[in-house]
Amino acid sequence: MSKFDDVMDKCAAQMKEQKIKVDRPLLDAIGKSLGPSLYRKDALLVAAGQKSELETIKKNFLIKKLGCPDDAKLDKAIDKAVEKIGRSRRNKLRPVFYYLLVKNLKKEDVFV
């Protein structure tokens, strides 16, 4: 099994644990889009308590990557993803976080 598969299996396990329906091809596509950062522990996790981290996700992923307009809908999507994973959960895996954003904003076509 490859390193990529190990990381994505970890993400799928977190999603199943939290009763989030897993579309594995979409999850894998999101994981691949993260490139080598997927293998660095600090880059693999989302620091949802840091406003600067959430702003970076908003600008670089939601606006640039997904092509979303910069509006209040993005902040609501981020809040919803944080709530779904759990505010108290320390390890918010980036592919899972991004998966929830993609599903919430109905941007799956970006990864097809």
N, C-alpha and C. Protein backbone atom coordinates (compact mmCIF):
# COMPACT_ATOMS: atom_id res chain seq x y z
N MET A 1 0.84 -1.18 0.00
CA MET A 1 0.00 0.00 0.00
C MET A 1 0.89 1.25 0.00
N SER A 2 0.51 2.24 -0.76
CA SER A 2 1.31 3.45 -0.87
C SER A 2 1.06 4.40 0.30
N LYS A 3 1.94 5.38 0.43
CA LYS A 3 1.78 6.41 1.46
C LYS A 3 0.46 7.17 1.25
N PHE A 4 0.18 7.46 -0.01
CA PHE A 4 -1.06 8.16 -0.35
C PHE A 4 -2.27 7.37 0.13
N ASP A 5 -2.30 6.06 -0.16
CA ASP A 5 -3.42 5.23 0.26
C ASP A 5 -3.54 5.19 1.78
N ASP A 6 -2.42 5.16 2.48
CA ASP A 6 -2.43 5.18 3.95
C ASP A 6 -3.10 6.44 4.48
N VAL A 7 -2.72 7.59 3.92
CA VAL A 7 -3.29 8.86 4.37
C VAL A 7 -4.78 8.93 4.04
N MET A 8 -5.14 8.50 2.84
CA MET A 8 -6.54 8.57 2.45
C MET A 8 -7.40 7.58 3.24
N ASP A 9 -6.84 6.43 3.59
CA ASP A 9 -7.57 5.48 4.45
C ASP A 9 -7.82 6.09 5.82
N LYS A 10 -6.84 6.82 6.32
CA LYS A 10 -6.98 7.51 7.61
C LYS A 10 -8.12 8.55 7.52
N CYS A 11 -8.17 9.25 6.41
CA CYS A 11 -9.24 10.25 6.20
C CYS A 11 -10.61 9.57 6.13
N ALA A 12 -10.69 8.49 5.36
CA ALA A 12 -11.95 7.76 5.22
C ALA A 12 -12.41 7.21 6.57
N ALA A 13 -11.46 6.74 7.37
CA ALA A 13 -11.79 6.21 8.70
C ALA A 13 -12.35 7.32 9.60
N GLN A 14 -11.73 8.52 9.53
CA GLN A 14 -12.23 9.63 10.33
C GLN A 14 -13.66 9.98 9.89
N MET A 15 -13.90 9.96 8.60
CA MET A 15 -15.23 10.30 8.10
C MET A 15 -16.27 9.27 8.54
N LYS A 16 -15.93 8.00 8.46
CA LYS A 16 -16.87 6.95 8.88
C LYS A 16 -17.16 7.06 10.37
N GLU A 17 -16.12 7.35 11.15
CA GLU A 17 -16.27 7.51 12.60
C GLU A 17 -17.25 8.64 12.92
N GLN A 18 -17.24 9.66 12.09
CA GLN A 18 -18.10 10.82 12.33
C GLN A 18 -19.38 10.77 11.51
N LYS A 19 -19.64 9.60 10.92
CA LYS A 19 -20.86 9.38 10.15
C LYS A 19 -21.02 10.35 8.97
N ILE A 20 -19.90 10.59 8.29
CA ILE A 20 -19.89 11.41 7.08
C ILE A 20 -19.80 10.42 5.91
N LYS A 21 -20.76 10.47 5.01
CA LYS A 21 -20.78 9.58 3.86
C LYS A 21 -19.53 9.85 3.01
N VAL A 22 -18.82 8.77 2.67
CA VAL A 22 -17.55 8.89 1.94
C VAL A 22 -17.74 8.58 0.46
N ASP A 23 -17.44 9.56 -0.37
CA ASP A 23 -17.33 9.35 -1.82
C ASP A 23 -15.83 9.24 -2.07
N ARG A 24 -15.32 8.00 -2.05
CA ARG A 24 -13.88 7.78 -2.06
C ARG A 24 -13.18 8.37 -3.29
N PRO A 25 -13.75 8.25 -4.49
CA PRO A 25 -13.06 8.87 -5.64
C PRO A 25 -12.91 10.39 -5.48
N LEU A 26 -13.92 11.05 -4.93
CA LEU A 26 -13.84 12.49 -4.70
C LEU A 26 -12.80 12.79 -3.62
N LEU A 27 -12.82 12.03 -2.54
CA LEU A 27 -11.84 12.21 -1.46
C LEU A 27 -10.42 12.03 -1.99
N ASP A 28 -10.21 11.00 -2.80
CA ASP A 28 -8.89 10.76 -3.38
C ASP A 28 -8.46 11.90 -4.31
N ALA A 29 -9.39 12.41 -5.10
CA ALA A 29 -9.08 13.52 -6.01
C ALA A 29 -8.68 14.77 -5.23
N ILE A 30 -9.37 15.04 -4.14
CA ILE A 30 -9.02 16.18 -3.28
C ILE A 30 -7.64 15.96 -2.67
N GLY A 31 -7.39 14.75 -2.21
CA GLY A 31 -6.08 14.41 -1.64
C GLY A 31 -4.96 14.61 -2.65
N LYS A 32 -5.17 14.17 -3.88
CA LYS A 32 -4.15 14.32 -4.93
C LYS A 32 -3.89 15.79 -5.24
N SER A 33 -4.94 16.61 -5.14
CA SER A 33 -4.77 18.04 -5.43
C SER A 33 -3.89 18.74 -4.39
N LEU A 34 -3.72 18.12 -3.23
CA LEU A 34 -2.89 18.71 -2.18
C LEU A 34 -1.40 18.47 -2.40
N GLY A 35 -1.08 17.54 -3.29
CA GLY A 35 0.32 17.28 -3.62
C GLY A 35 1.11 16.77 -2.43
N PRO A 36 2.41 17.07 -2.42
CA PRO A 36 3.30 16.55 -1.37
C PRO A 36 2.98 17.06 0.03
N SER A 37 2.24 18.15 0.14
CA SER A 37 1.90 18.67 1.48
C SER A 37 1.08 17.66 2.26
N LEU A 38 0.46 16.74 1.56
CA LEU A 38 -0.35 15.70 2.18
C LEU A 38 0.47 14.84 3.14
N TYR A 39 1.78 14.80 2.95
CA TYR A 39 2.64 13.94 3.75
C TYR A 39 3.36 14.67 4.89
N ARG A 40 3.12 15.98 5.01
CA ARG A 40 3.70 16.73 6.14
C ARG A 40 2.62 16.89 7.20
N LYS A 41 2.93 16.44 8.40
CA LYS A 41 1.92 16.42 9.46
C LYS A 41 1.29 17.79 9.71
N ASP A 42 2.10 18.84 9.75
CA ASP A 42 1.54 20.16 10.02
C ASP A 42 0.65 20.64 8.87
N ALA A 43 0.94 20.24 7.65
CA ALA A 43 0.12 20.65 6.50
C ALA A 43 -1.11 19.76 6.34
N LEU A 44 -1.04 18.54 6.86
CA LEU A 44 -2.16 17.61 6.75
C LEU A 44 -3.33 18.02 7.64
N LEU A 45 -3.03 18.74 8.70
CA LEU A 45 -4.07 19.12 9.67
C LEU A 45 -4.49 20.57 9.49
N VAL A 46 -5.77 20.84 9.72
CA VAL A 46 -6.31 22.19 9.67
C VAL A 46 -6.39 22.73 11.09
N ALA A 47 -5.79 23.89 11.30
CA ALA A 47 -5.86 24.56 12.61
C ALA A 47 -7.09 25.48 12.58
N ALA A 48 -8.24 24.89 12.83
CA ALA A 48 -9.51 25.62 12.70
C ALA A 48 -9.66 26.73 13.73
N GLY A 49 -8.87 26.69 14.78
CA GLY A 49 -8.93 27.74 15.80
C GLY A 49 -8.15 28.98 15.41
N GLN A 50 -7.39 28.90 14.33
CA GLN A 50 -6.59 30.05 13.87
C GLN A 50 -7.31 30.75 12.72
N LYS A 51 -7.67 31.98 12.97
CA LYS A 51 -8.39 32.75 11.95
C LYS A 51 -7.57 32.86 10.66
N SER A 52 -6.24 33.01 10.79
CA SER A 52 -5.40 33.15 9.61
C SER A 52 -5.42 31.87 8.76
N GLU A 53 -5.50 30.72 9.40
CA GLU A 53 -5.58 29.43 8.68
C GLU A 53 -6.87 29.37 7.87
N LEU A 54 -7.97 29.77 8.48
CA LEU A 54 -9.26 29.73 7.80
C LEU A 54 -9.32 30.74 6.66
N GLU A 55 -8.68 31.89 6.83
CA GLU A 55 -8.61 32.88 5.76
C GLU A 55 -7.80 32.35 4.58
N THR A 56 -6.72 31.63 4.88
CA THR A 56 -5.89 31.04 3.83
C THR A 56 -6.69 30.00 3.06
N ILE A 57 -7.45 29.17 3.77
CA ILE A 57 -8.30 28.17 3.11
C ILE A 57 -9.32 28.87 2.22
N LYS A 58 -9.90 29.92 2.75
CA LYS A 58 -10.91 30.66 1.99
C LYS A 58 -10.33 31.23 0.70
N LYS A 59 -9.18 31.89 0.82
CA LYS A 59 -8.57 32.54 -0.35
C LYS A 59 -7.97 31.55 -1.33
N ASN A 60 -7.16 30.61 -0.83
CA ASN A 60 -6.42 29.73 -1.73
C ASN A 60 -7.22 28.53 -2.23
N PHE A 61 -8.10 28.00 -1.40
CA PHE A 61 -8.85 26.82 -1.83
C PHE A 61 -10.22 27.20 -2.39
N LEU A 62 -11.00 27.91 -1.60
CA LEU A 62 -12.37 28.19 -2.03
C LEU A 62 -12.45 29.18 -3.19
N ILE A 63 -11.68 30.24 -3.12
CA ILE A 63 -11.76 31.28 -4.16
C ILE A 63 -10.89 30.91 -5.36
N LYS A 64 -9.62 30.60 -5.13
CA LYS A 64 -8.72 30.31 -6.25
C LYS A 64 -8.97 28.94 -6.88
N LYS A 65 -8.99 27.90 -6.06
CA LYS A 65 -9.11 26.53 -6.58
C LYS A 65 -10.52 26.22 -7.06
N LEU A 66 -11.52 26.54 -6.22
CA LEU A 66 -12.89 26.18 -6.57
C LEU A 66 -13.59 27.26 -7.40
N GLY A 67 -13.05 28.46 -7.42
CA GLY A 67 -13.65 29.54 -8.20
C GLY A 67 -14.90 30.13 -7.59
N CYS A 68 -15.01 30.07 -6.26
CA CYS A 68 -16.18 30.62 -5.56
C CYS A 68 -16.04 32.14 -5.44
N PRO A 69 -17.18 32.85 -5.49
CA PRO A 69 -17.13 34.29 -5.23
C PRO A 69 -16.88 34.53 -3.73
N ASP A 70 -16.19 35.61 -3.42
CA ASP A 70 -15.88 35.94 -2.03
C ASP A 70 -17.10 36.57 -1.37
N ASP A 71 -17.88 35.73 -0.69
CA ASP A 71 -19.07 36.24 0.00
C ASP A 71 -19.28 35.50 1.32
N ALA A 72 -20.32 35.85 2.02
CA ALA A 72 -20.60 35.28 3.34
C ALA A 72 -20.88 33.78 3.28
N LYS A 73 -21.27 33.28 2.12
CA LYS A 73 -21.55 31.86 1.94
C LYS A 73 -20.31 31.01 2.25
N LEU A 74 -19.14 31.54 1.94
CA LEU A 74 -17.90 30.80 2.20
C LEU A 74 -17.62 30.67 3.69
N ASP A 75 -17.83 31.75 4.43
CA ASP A 75 -17.63 31.70 5.87
C ASP A 75 -18.60 30.71 6.51
N LYS A 76 -19.83 30.66 6.02
CA LYS A 76 -20.82 29.71 6.54
C LYS A 76 -20.41 28.28 6.23
N ALA A 77 -19.87 28.06 5.04
CA ALA A 77 -19.42 26.71 4.66
C ALA A 77 -18.26 26.26 5.54
N ILE A 78 -17.34 27.18 5.82
CA ILE A 78 -16.21 26.85 6.70
C ILE A 78 -16.72 26.52 8.10
N ASP A 79 -17.62 27.34 8.63
CA ASP A 79 -18.18 27.08 9.97
C ASP A 79 -18.89 25.73 10.01
N LYS A 80 -19.62 25.42 8.94
CA LYS A 80 -20.35 24.16 8.88
C LYS A 80 -19.38 22.97 8.88
N ALA A 81 -18.26 23.09 8.16
CA ALA A 81 -17.25 22.02 8.12
C ALA A 81 -16.62 21.83 9.50
N VAL A 82 -16.31 22.93 10.17
CA VAL A 82 -15.73 22.86 11.52
C VAL A 82 -16.71 22.16 12.46
N GLU A 83 -17.98 22.53 12.38
CA GLU A 83 -19.00 21.92 13.23
C GLU A 83 -19.16 20.43 12.93
N LYS A 84 -19.17 20.07 11.66
CA LYS A 84 -19.37 18.67 11.26
C LYS A 84 -18.25 17.79 11.78
N ILE A 85 -17.02 18.27 11.68
CA ILE A 85 -15.87 17.49 12.19
C ILE A 85 -15.85 17.55 13.71
N GLY A 86 -16.26 18.68 14.25
CA GLY A 86 -16.29 18.85 15.71
C GLY A 86 -15.28 19.88 16.16
N ARG A 87 -15.76 20.94 16.78
CA ARG A 87 -14.87 22.00 17.23
C ARG A 87 -13.83 21.47 18.23
N SER A 88 -14.21 20.51 19.03
CA SER A 88 -13.30 20.00 20.05
C SER A 88 -12.29 18.99 19.49
N ARG A 89 -12.53 18.50 18.30
CA ARG A 89 -11.60 17.53 17.70
C ARG A 89 -10.34 18.26 17.25
N ARG A 90 -9.21 17.86 17.78
CA ARG A 90 -7.94 18.54 17.48
C ARG A 90 -7.44 18.23 16.07
N ASN A 91 -7.58 16.98 15.66
CA ASN A 91 -7.03 16.59 14.37
C ASN A 91 -8.09 16.65 13.27
N LYS A 92 -8.15 17.79 12.64
CA LYS A 92 -9.05 17.97 11.51
C LYS A 92 -8.22 17.74 10.25
N LEU A 93 -8.37 16.58 9.66
CA LEU A 93 -7.58 16.25 8.48
C LEU A 93 -8.00 17.11 7.29
N ARG A 94 -7.03 17.72 6.65
CA ARG A 94 -7.28 18.67 5.56
C ARG A 94 -8.13 18.06 4.43
N PRO A 95 -7.84 16.85 3.96
CA PRO A 95 -8.69 16.31 2.89
C PRO A 95 -10.15 16.16 3.31
N VAL A 96 -10.39 15.80 4.57
CA VAL A 96 -11.76 15.67 5.07
C VAL A 96 -12.41 17.05 5.14
N PHE A 97 -11.69 18.02 5.64
CA PHE A 97 -12.19 19.40 5.75
C PHE A 97 -12.54 19.94 4.37
N TYR A 98 -11.63 19.76 3.41
CA TYR A 98 -11.87 20.23 2.05
C TYR A 98 -13.03 19.47 1.40
N TYR A 99 -13.14 18.18 1.68
CA TYR A 99 -14.23 17.36 1.16
C TYR A 99 -15.57 17.95 1.59
N LEU A 100 -15.68 18.29 2.87
CA LEU A 100 -16.92 18.87 3.38
C LEU A 100 -17.23 20.20 2.71
N LEU A 101 -16.20 21.00 2.47
CA LEU A 101 -16.40 22.28 1.78
C LEU A 101 -16.88 22.07 0.35
N VAL A 102 -16.24 21.15 -0.36
CA VAL A 102 -16.60 20.86 -1.75
C VAL A 102 -18.05 20.38 -1.82
N LYS A 103 -18.42 19.46 -0.95
CA LYS A 103 -19.79 18.93 -0.94
C LYS A 103 -20.80 20.03 -0.60
N ASN A 104 -20.49 20.82 0.42
CA ASN A 104 -21.40 21.88 0.87
C ASN A 104 -21.63 22.91 -0.24
N LEU A 105 -20.57 23.26 -0.95
CA LEU A 105 -20.67 24.29 -2.00
C LEU A 105 -21.00 23.69 -3.37
N LYS A 106 -21.19 22.38 -3.41
CA LYS A 106 -21.56 21.67 -4.66
C LYS A 106 -20.56 21.95 -5.79
N LYS A 107 -19.28 21.77 -5.46
CA LYS A 107 -18.20 22.01 -6.42
C LYS A 107 -17.47 20.72 -6.80
N GLU A 108 -18.16 19.59 -6.72
CA GLU A 108 -17.54 18.31 -7.05
C GLU A 108 -16.99 18.27 -8.47
N ASP A 109 -17.62 19.02 -9.38
CA ASP A 109 -17.19 19.00 -10.78
C ASP A 109 -15.76 19.50 -10.97
N VAL A 110 -15.22 20.24 -10.03
CA VAL A 110 -13.84 20.72 -10.11
C VAL A 110 -12.86 19.54 -10.05
N PHE A 111 -13.27 18.45 -9.41
CA PHE A 111 -12.37 17.32 -9.19
C PHE A 111 -12.72 16.10 -10.06
N VAL A 112 -13.64 16.25 -10.99
CA VAL A 112 -14.04 15.12 -11.84
C VAL A 112 -13.13 15.01 -13.04
